[in-house]
C-alpha atoms as a PDB file:
ATOM      1  CA  VAL A   1    -127.527  10.113  18.829  1.00  0.00           C
ATOM      2  CA  PRO A   2    -123.855   9.042  18.752  1.00  0.00           C
ATOM      3  CA  LYS A   3    -121.287  11.785  18.955  1.00  0.00           C
ATOM      4  CA  GLY A   4    -118.451   9.489  17.731  1.00  0.00           C
ATOM      5  CA  ALA A   5    -117.522   5.935  16.933  1.00  0.00           C
ATOM      6  CA  PHE A   6    -114.854   3.335  17.642  1.00  0.00           C
ATOM      7  CA  TYR A   7    -112.977   1.678  14.774  1.00  0.00           C
ATOM      8  CA  VAL A   8    -110.852  -1.455  14.530  1.00  0.00           C
ATOM      9  CA  PHE A   9    -108.294  -1.899  11.707  1.00  0.00           C
ATOM     10  CA  PRO A  10    -107.270  -5.598  11.771  1.00  0.00           C
ATOM     11  CA  LYS A  11    -104.510  -7.042   9.589  1.00  0.00           C
ATOM     12  CA  ILE A  12    -105.577  -9.809   7.233  1.00  0.00           C
ATOM     13  CA  ASP A  13    -103.500 -12.956   7.597  1.00  0.00           C
ATOM     14  CA  ASN A  14    -102.574 -13.676   3.979  1.00  0.00           C
ATOM     15  CA  ALA A  15    -101.500 -17.236   4.776  1.00  0.00           C
ATOM     16  CA  ARG A  16    -105.090 -17.948   5.948  1.00  0.00           C
ATOM     17  CA  ASN A  17    -106.650 -15.818   3.216  1.00  0.00           C
ATOM     18  CA  ASP A  18    -105.224 -17.577   0.138  1.00  0.00           C
ATOM     19  CA  GLY A  19    -103.198 -14.453  -0.617  1.00  0.00           C
ATOM     20  CA  LYS A  20    -106.235 -12.368  -1.504  1.00  0.00           C
ATOM     21  CA  ASP A  21    -105.831  -8.624  -1.213  1.00  0.00           C
ATOM     22  CA  ASP A  22    -107.909  -6.546   1.240  1.00  0.00           C
ATOM     23  CA  ARG A  23    -110.450  -5.511  -1.371  1.00  0.00           C
ATOM     24  CA  LYS A  24    -111.142  -9.126  -2.344  1.00  0.00           C
ATOM     25  CA  PHE A  25    -111.324 -10.076   1.341  1.00  0.00           C
ATOM     26  CA  VAL A  26    -114.020  -7.553   2.162  1.00  0.00           C
ATOM     27  CA  LEU A  27    -116.040  -8.368  -1.000  1.00  0.00           C
ATOM     28  CA  ASP A  28    -115.907 -12.090  -0.200  1.00  0.00           C
ATOM     29  CA  LEU A  29    -116.900 -11.335   3.383  1.00  0.00           C
ATOM     30  CA  LEU A  30    -119.870  -9.228   2.247  1.00  0.00           C
ATOM     31  CA  ARG A  31    -121.070 -11.751  -0.295  1.00  0.00           C
ATOM     32  CA  SER A  32    -120.679 -14.695   2.071  1.00  0.00           C
ATOM     33  CA  THR A  33    -122.056 -13.208   5.277  1.00  0.00           C
ATOM     34  CA  GLY A  34    -123.663  -9.826   4.563  1.00  0.00           C
ATOM     35  CA  VAL A  35    -121.206  -8.129   6.904  1.00  0.00           C
ATOM     36  CA  LEU A  36    -120.011  -4.839   5.479  1.00  0.00           C
ATOM     37  CA  THR A  37    -116.496  -3.645   6.231  1.00  0.00           C
ATOM     38  CA  VAL A  38    -114.135  -1.326   4.383  1.00  0.00           C
ATOM     39  CA  HIS A  39    -110.954  -2.373   2.667  1.00  0.00           C
ATOM     40  CA  GLY A  40    -107.850  -0.877   4.241  1.00  0.00           C
ATOM     41  CA  SER A  41    -106.207   0.163   1.004  1.00  0.00           C
ATOM     42  CA  GLY A  42    -109.041   2.666   0.605  1.00  0.00           C
ATOM     43  CA  PHE A  43    -107.320   4.644   3.402  1.00  0.00           C
ATOM     44  CA  GLY A  44    -103.970   4.637   1.592  1.00  0.00           C
ATOM     45  CA  ALA A  45    -101.790   1.866   0.166  1.00  0.00           C
ATOM     46  CA  ALA A  46     -98.816   2.464   2.402  1.00  0.00           C
ATOM     47  CA  TYR A  47    -100.559   1.751   5.740  1.00  0.00           C
ATOM     48  CA  GLY A  48    -103.978   0.328   4.774  1.00  0.00           C
ATOM     49  CA  SER A  49    -103.137  -2.474   2.360  1.00  0.00           C
ATOM     50  CA  GLY A  50    -103.692  -5.872   3.934  1.00  0.00           C
ATOM     51  CA  HIS A  51    -106.119  -4.521   6.532  1.00  0.00           C
ATOM     52  CA  PHE A  52    -109.852  -3.880   6.808  1.00  0.00           C
ATOM     53  CA  ARG A  53    -111.888  -1.527   8.981  1.00  0.00           C
ATOM     54  CA  ILE A  54    -114.756  -2.332  11.258  1.00  0.00           C
ATOM     55  CA  VAL A  55    -116.900   0.377  12.859  1.00  0.00           C
ATOM     56  CA  TYR A  56    -118.346  -0.270  16.324  1.00  0.00           C
ATOM     57  CA  LEU A  57    -121.346   1.995  16.039  1.00  0.00           C
ATOM     58  CA  PRO A  58    -124.370  -0.376  15.651  1.00  0.00           C
ATOM     59  CA  GLN A  59    -126.367  -1.868  18.595  1.00  0.00           C
ATOM     60  CA  GLU A  60    -124.525  -4.442  20.629  1.00  0.00           C
ATOM     61  CA  ASN A  61    -126.664  -7.362  19.391  1.00  0.00           C
ATOM     62  CA  VAL A  62    -125.982  -6.356  15.755  1.00  0.00           C
ATOM     63  CA  LEU A  63    -122.294  -6.210  16.469  1.00  0.00           C
ATOM     64  CA  GLU A  64    -122.292  -9.579  18.168  1.00  0.00           C
ATOM     65  CA  GLN A  65    -124.049 -11.206  15.189  1.00  0.00           C
ATOM     66  CA  ALA A  66    -121.546  -9.553  12.783  1.00  0.00           C
ATOM     67  CA  MET A  67    -118.535 -10.654  14.796  1.00  0.00           C
ATOM     68  CA  ASP A  68    -119.844 -14.215  14.936  1.00  0.00           C
ATOM     69  CA  LYS A  69    -120.204 -14.197  11.121  1.00  0.00           C
ATOM     70  CA  LEU A  70    -116.748 -12.680  10.727  1.00  0.00           C
ATOM     71  CA  GLU A  71    -115.273 -15.344  13.002  1.00  0.00           C
ATOM     72  CA  GLU A  72    -116.944 -18.099  11.004  1.00  0.00           C
ATOM     73  CA  PHE A  73    -115.822 -16.581   7.708  1.00  0.00           C
ATOM     74  CA  VAL A  74    -112.178 -16.266   8.831  1.00  0.00           C
ATOM     75  CA  GLY A  75    -112.277 -19.813  10.239  1.00  0.00           C
ATOM     76  CA  ARG A  76    -113.441 -21.149   6.862  1.00  0.00           C
ATOM     77  CA  SER A  77    -110.755 -19.207   5.073  1.00  0.00           C
ATOM     78  CA  GLY A  78    -108.006 -21.042   6.894  1.00  0.00           C
ATOM     79  CA  LYS A  79    -109.184 -24.532   5.938  1.00  0.00           C
END
């Protein structure tokens, strides 16, 4: 049973994201890939806007699949 977790809070590149806010980004990511993240503005507008949060708690194979889907999604966003 985990006693803690690691988190990543990446910044969304608005130029590659068609100017969508962080809430729209995470909803589009979820609908397109099934990968659930949390919009950064939910942690406060001053520091969280334009970011999203990923938790590194699942099994390694699940994380690898999720990161592959995220990479593909972000790659499509820039085209």
